[in-house]
Each structure stands twice: as structure tokens, then as C-alpha cells.
N, C-alpha and C. Protein backbone atom coordinates (compact mmCIF):
# COMPACT_ATOMS: atom_id res chain seq x y z
N MET A 1 -64.83 -39.73 -36.35
CA MET A 1 -65.86 -40.57 -36.92
C MET A 1 -65.59 -40.74 -38.41
N SER A 2 -65.53 -41.98 -38.90
CA SER A 2 -65.30 -42.21 -40.32
C SER A 2 -66.63 -42.50 -41.01
N LEU A 3 -66.74 -42.02 -42.23
CA LEU A 3 -67.95 -42.26 -43.03
C LEU A 3 -67.86 -43.62 -43.70
N GLN A 4 -68.98 -44.30 -43.80
CA GLN A 4 -69.03 -45.58 -44.48
C GLN A 4 -70.13 -45.55 -45.53
N CYS A 5 -69.86 -46.19 -46.64
CA CYS A 5 -70.85 -46.29 -47.70
C CYS A 5 -71.95 -47.25 -47.25
N THR A 6 -73.17 -46.84 -47.49
CA THR A 6 -74.31 -47.67 -47.09
C THR A 6 -74.80 -48.57 -48.23
N HIS A 7 -74.06 -48.61 -49.34
CA HIS A 7 -74.52 -49.33 -50.52
C HIS A 7 -73.65 -50.52 -50.92
N VAL A 8 -72.63 -50.86 -50.15
CA VAL A 8 -71.71 -51.92 -50.55
C VAL A 8 -72.39 -53.29 -50.70
N THR A 9 -73.52 -53.47 -50.07
CA THR A 9 -74.24 -54.74 -50.22
C THR A 9 -74.87 -54.89 -51.60
N LEU A 10 -74.89 -53.83 -52.39
CA LEU A 10 -75.47 -53.87 -53.73
C LEU A 10 -74.47 -54.29 -54.81
N ILE A 11 -73.22 -54.53 -54.43
CA ILE A 11 -72.20 -54.91 -55.41
C ILE A 11 -72.51 -56.29 -55.98
N LYS A 12 -72.61 -56.35 -57.31
CA LYS A 12 -72.88 -57.62 -58.00
C LYS A 12 -71.77 -57.98 -58.98
N VAL A 13 -71.10 -56.98 -59.54
CA VAL A 13 -70.04 -57.17 -60.53
C VAL A 13 -68.80 -56.49 -60.00
N THR A 14 -67.65 -57.17 -60.04
CA THR A 14 -66.45 -56.56 -59.46
C THR A 14 -65.32 -56.33 -60.45
N HIS A 15 -65.35 -56.99 -61.61
CA HIS A 15 -64.25 -56.84 -62.56
C HIS A 15 -64.79 -56.46 -63.94
N PRO A 16 -64.19 -55.45 -64.57
CA PRO A 16 -64.65 -55.03 -65.89
C PRO A 16 -64.33 -56.07 -66.96
N ASP A 17 -65.24 -56.23 -67.90
CA ASP A 17 -64.98 -57.13 -69.02
C ASP A 17 -64.74 -56.34 -70.30
N LYS A 18 -64.74 -55.00 -70.20
CA LYS A 18 -64.49 -54.13 -71.34
C LYS A 18 -63.41 -53.12 -70.97
N ARG A 19 -62.63 -52.72 -71.94
CA ARG A 19 -61.59 -51.70 -71.74
C ARG A 19 -61.88 -50.48 -72.62
N TYR A 20 -63.17 -50.16 -72.73
CA TYR A 20 -63.60 -49.01 -73.51
C TYR A 20 -64.92 -48.49 -72.96
N CYS A 21 -65.21 -47.21 -73.24
CA CYS A 21 -66.49 -46.64 -72.83
C CYS A 21 -67.54 -47.08 -73.84
N GLU A 22 -68.52 -47.82 -73.36
CA GLU A 22 -69.56 -48.36 -74.24
C GLU A 22 -70.29 -47.25 -75.00
N ASP A 23 -70.58 -46.15 -74.34
CA ASP A 23 -71.34 -45.07 -74.95
C ASP A 23 -70.49 -44.25 -75.92
N CYS A 24 -69.22 -44.01 -75.59
CA CYS A 24 -68.35 -43.26 -76.50
C CYS A 24 -68.12 -44.04 -77.80
N VAL A 25 -68.00 -45.34 -77.71
CA VAL A 25 -67.82 -46.16 -78.91
C VAL A 25 -69.03 -45.99 -79.84
N LYS A 26 -70.22 -45.95 -79.26
CA LYS A 26 -71.44 -45.80 -80.07
C LYS A 26 -71.49 -44.46 -80.80
N THR A 27 -70.94 -43.41 -80.17
CA THR A 27 -71.03 -42.08 -80.76
C THR A 27 -69.74 -41.63 -81.45
N GLY A 28 -68.70 -42.45 -81.37
CA GLY A 28 -67.44 -42.10 -82.00
C GLY A 28 -66.63 -41.08 -81.22
N ASP A 29 -66.91 -40.95 -79.92
CA ASP A 29 -66.20 -40.00 -79.08
C ASP A 29 -65.00 -40.66 -78.40
N TRP A 30 -64.29 -39.89 -77.58
CA TRP A 30 -63.11 -40.39 -76.87
C TRP A 30 -63.32 -40.22 -75.36
N TRP A 31 -62.47 -40.88 -74.60
CA TRP A 31 -62.56 -40.82 -73.13
C TRP A 31 -61.18 -40.67 -72.54
N VAL A 32 -61.15 -40.27 -71.25
CA VAL A 32 -59.90 -40.11 -70.51
C VAL A 32 -59.64 -41.35 -69.66
N HIS A 33 -60.56 -41.66 -68.73
CA HIS A 33 -60.44 -42.82 -67.85
C HIS A 33 -61.77 -43.57 -67.84
N LEU A 34 -61.71 -44.82 -67.45
CA LEU A 34 -62.91 -45.66 -67.45
C LEU A 34 -63.37 -45.98 -66.04
N ARG A 35 -64.69 -46.05 -65.87
CA ARG A 35 -65.32 -46.41 -64.60
C ARG A 35 -66.34 -47.50 -64.88
N MET A 36 -66.47 -48.45 -63.95
CA MET A 36 -67.41 -49.55 -64.13
C MET A 36 -68.45 -49.54 -63.02
N CYS A 37 -69.70 -49.69 -63.39
CA CYS A 37 -70.80 -49.79 -62.44
C CYS A 37 -70.71 -51.13 -61.72
N LEU A 38 -70.75 -51.10 -60.41
CA LEU A 38 -70.64 -52.33 -59.62
C LEU A 38 -71.97 -53.05 -59.47
N THR A 39 -73.04 -52.49 -60.00
CA THR A 39 -74.34 -53.16 -59.99
C THR A 39 -74.55 -53.96 -61.26
N CYS A 40 -74.29 -53.35 -62.43
CA CYS A 40 -74.60 -54.03 -63.70
C CYS A 40 -73.40 -54.26 -64.61
N GLY A 41 -72.24 -53.67 -64.29
CA GLY A 41 -71.05 -53.87 -65.10
C GLY A 41 -70.88 -52.88 -66.25
N HIS A 42 -71.79 -51.92 -66.40
CA HIS A 42 -71.66 -50.92 -67.46
C HIS A 42 -70.33 -50.18 -67.31
N VAL A 43 -69.59 -50.04 -68.41
CA VAL A 43 -68.33 -49.30 -68.40
C VAL A 43 -68.55 -47.97 -69.11
N GLY A 44 -68.26 -46.89 -68.39
CA GLY A 44 -68.43 -45.54 -68.93
C GLY A 44 -67.21 -44.70 -68.64
N CYS A 45 -67.17 -43.53 -69.24
CA CYS A 45 -66.03 -42.64 -69.08
C CYS A 45 -66.19 -41.76 -67.83
N CYS A 46 -65.06 -41.28 -67.33
CA CYS A 46 -65.02 -40.50 -66.09
C CYS A 46 -65.49 -39.07 -66.32
N ASP A 47 -65.56 -38.30 -65.25
CA ASP A 47 -66.01 -36.91 -65.32
C ASP A 47 -64.96 -35.98 -65.93
N SER A 48 -63.74 -36.45 -66.15
CA SER A 48 -62.74 -35.67 -66.88
C SER A 48 -62.91 -35.84 -68.38
N SER A 49 -63.72 -36.78 -68.79
CA SER A 49 -64.02 -37.02 -70.20
C SER A 49 -65.14 -36.08 -70.64
N PRO A 50 -65.20 -35.73 -71.92
CA PRO A 50 -66.22 -34.78 -72.38
C PRO A 50 -67.66 -35.22 -72.09
N ASN A 51 -67.95 -36.51 -72.17
CA ASN A 51 -69.34 -36.97 -72.06
C ASN A 51 -69.76 -37.46 -70.68
N LYS A 52 -68.82 -37.73 -69.80
CA LYS A 52 -69.11 -38.14 -68.41
C LYS A 52 -70.15 -39.27 -68.36
N HIS A 53 -69.93 -40.30 -69.16
CA HIS A 53 -70.93 -41.37 -69.28
C HIS A 53 -71.13 -42.18 -68.00
N ALA A 54 -70.12 -42.33 -67.16
CA ALA A 54 -70.32 -43.07 -65.91
C ALA A 54 -71.32 -42.35 -65.01
N THR A 55 -71.18 -41.03 -64.89
CA THR A 55 -72.12 -40.26 -64.08
C THR A 55 -73.51 -40.25 -64.72
N LYS A 56 -73.56 -40.15 -66.04
CA LYS A 56 -74.85 -40.21 -66.73
C LYS A 56 -75.53 -41.55 -66.48
N HIS A 57 -74.75 -42.63 -66.44
CA HIS A 57 -75.31 -43.95 -66.14
C HIS A 57 -75.90 -43.97 -64.73
N PHE A 58 -75.19 -43.41 -63.76
CA PHE A 58 -75.73 -43.32 -62.40
C PHE A 58 -77.03 -42.53 -62.38
N ASN A 59 -77.05 -41.38 -63.04
CA ASN A 59 -78.26 -40.54 -63.04
C ASN A 59 -79.44 -41.25 -63.67
N ALA A 60 -79.19 -42.06 -64.69
CA ALA A 60 -80.28 -42.77 -65.37
C ALA A 60 -80.72 -44.03 -64.64
N SER A 61 -79.76 -44.72 -64.02
CA SER A 61 -80.05 -46.03 -63.43
C SER A 61 -80.24 -46.00 -61.91
N GLY A 62 -79.59 -45.05 -61.24
CA GLY A 62 -79.60 -45.03 -59.79
C GLY A 62 -78.62 -46.01 -59.16
N HIS A 63 -77.83 -46.69 -59.97
CA HIS A 63 -76.82 -47.62 -59.44
C HIS A 63 -75.74 -46.80 -58.74
N PRO A 64 -75.55 -46.97 -57.44
CA PRO A 64 -74.76 -46.02 -56.66
C PRO A 64 -73.23 -46.17 -56.73
N LEU A 65 -72.72 -47.35 -57.01
CA LEU A 65 -71.28 -47.58 -56.87
C LEU A 65 -70.59 -47.82 -58.20
N ILE A 66 -69.40 -47.21 -58.33
CA ILE A 66 -68.52 -47.47 -59.47
C ILE A 66 -67.15 -47.84 -58.94
N ARG A 67 -66.35 -48.40 -59.82
CA ARG A 67 -64.94 -48.61 -59.52
C ARG A 67 -64.14 -48.13 -60.70
N SER A 68 -62.88 -47.86 -60.48
CA SER A 68 -62.01 -47.54 -61.59
C SER A 68 -61.87 -48.79 -62.43
N ALA A 69 -61.92 -48.63 -63.74
CA ALA A 69 -61.69 -49.75 -64.65
C ALA A 69 -60.31 -49.62 -65.30
N GLU A 70 -59.45 -48.81 -64.68
CA GLU A 70 -58.09 -48.62 -65.15
C GLU A 70 -57.19 -49.72 -64.57
N PRO A 71 -56.27 -50.25 -65.37
CA PRO A 71 -55.37 -51.30 -64.88
C PRO A 71 -54.63 -50.86 -63.62
N GLY A 72 -54.62 -51.73 -62.62
CA GLY A 72 -53.90 -51.47 -61.38
C GLY A 72 -54.65 -50.64 -60.35
N GLU A 73 -55.80 -50.08 -60.70
CA GLU A 73 -56.57 -49.28 -59.75
C GLU A 73 -57.73 -50.11 -59.21
N ARG A 74 -57.98 -50.01 -57.88
CA ARG A 74 -59.01 -50.82 -57.24
C ARG A 74 -60.02 -50.00 -56.45
N TRP A 75 -59.92 -48.68 -56.47
CA TRP A 75 -60.80 -47.84 -55.65
C TRP A 75 -62.24 -47.88 -56.17
N THR A 76 -63.15 -47.60 -55.25
CA THR A 76 -64.57 -47.52 -55.57
C THR A 76 -65.11 -46.16 -55.11
N TRP A 77 -66.20 -45.73 -55.72
CA TRP A 77 -66.81 -44.46 -55.38
C TRP A 77 -68.32 -44.66 -55.28
N CYS A 78 -68.91 -44.05 -54.26
CA CYS A 78 -70.36 -44.08 -54.10
C CYS A 78 -70.91 -42.70 -54.44
N TYR A 79 -71.72 -42.64 -55.50
CA TYR A 79 -72.33 -41.38 -55.91
C TYR A 79 -73.31 -40.86 -54.85
N VAL A 80 -74.05 -41.76 -54.23
CA VAL A 80 -75.08 -41.35 -53.27
C VAL A 80 -74.45 -40.78 -52.00
N ASP A 81 -73.51 -41.52 -51.41
CA ASP A 81 -72.87 -41.08 -50.18
C ASP A 81 -71.74 -40.09 -50.43
N GLU A 82 -71.32 -39.95 -51.71
CA GLU A 82 -70.24 -39.07 -52.11
C GLU A 82 -68.95 -39.32 -51.34
N ILE A 83 -68.57 -40.60 -51.29
CA ILE A 83 -67.33 -40.98 -50.61
C ILE A 83 -66.64 -42.11 -51.37
N VAL A 84 -65.33 -42.23 -51.15
CA VAL A 84 -64.61 -43.39 -51.63
C VAL A 84 -65.08 -44.54 -50.74
N ALA A 85 -65.59 -45.58 -51.38
CA ALA A 85 -66.21 -46.67 -50.63
C ALA A 85 -65.26 -47.81 -50.32
N GLY A 86 -63.98 -47.63 -50.59
CA GLY A 86 -62.98 -48.65 -50.30
C GLY A 86 -62.32 -49.14 -51.56
N GLU A 87 -61.61 -50.28 -51.44
CA GLU A 87 -60.94 -50.90 -52.56
C GLU A 87 -61.41 -52.33 -52.70
N LEU A 88 -61.44 -52.80 -53.93
CA LEU A 88 -61.78 -54.19 -54.20
C LEU A 88 -60.50 -55.00 -54.35
N ALA A 89 -60.61 -56.29 -54.14
CA ALA A 89 -59.46 -57.17 -54.35
C ALA A 89 -59.04 -57.09 -55.79
N ALA A 90 -57.77 -57.27 -56.03
CA ALA A 90 -57.22 -57.17 -57.41
C ALA A 90 -57.81 -58.19 -58.33
């Protein structure tokens, strides 16, 4: 039995328009990798970054899906279902 994300119908934004963590720029911090919210387009840093802004955005907003905002990566992650929710078209 394979698990499926129950939130893919909530995707509204599919491509990042920023190549920086919005919150780290405000505070003068740095990031490792970027993640983009598929509901509102917010770009935040990954959990390997000191501030974990993408996860903080999920906790504050409840927006369940993110995608990698790194060049060449298309995977998505669902915080609620805790699974890779697939890949988006390039």
C-alpha cells in the first residue's frame, strides 16, 4: 500500500520567484537550502539551516506543502502527512 498526500489540491503556486530566504534576509542570517510554500509562495530556509524558516512558516500558517526551491530539484513535501508528495513539472 502506498501513501498519498491528501493536500495536493491545495497547490496554488508552483515556481519560486525568489532565490533567498525571505526571513533570513530580514534578520541578516544565512541559510543552507531553500523551500517554497506551495500555497502562498513564501520562500524559507530548510531544517538544516539555523532558523528553519520553512517549517516555522508551516507552523504559523498551516500551509501543508513545500517544494525544494533549489535549481534542478522538483520534489515536494507534505508536513501534515509527513511524506514526499511527488514531483512538480520543471
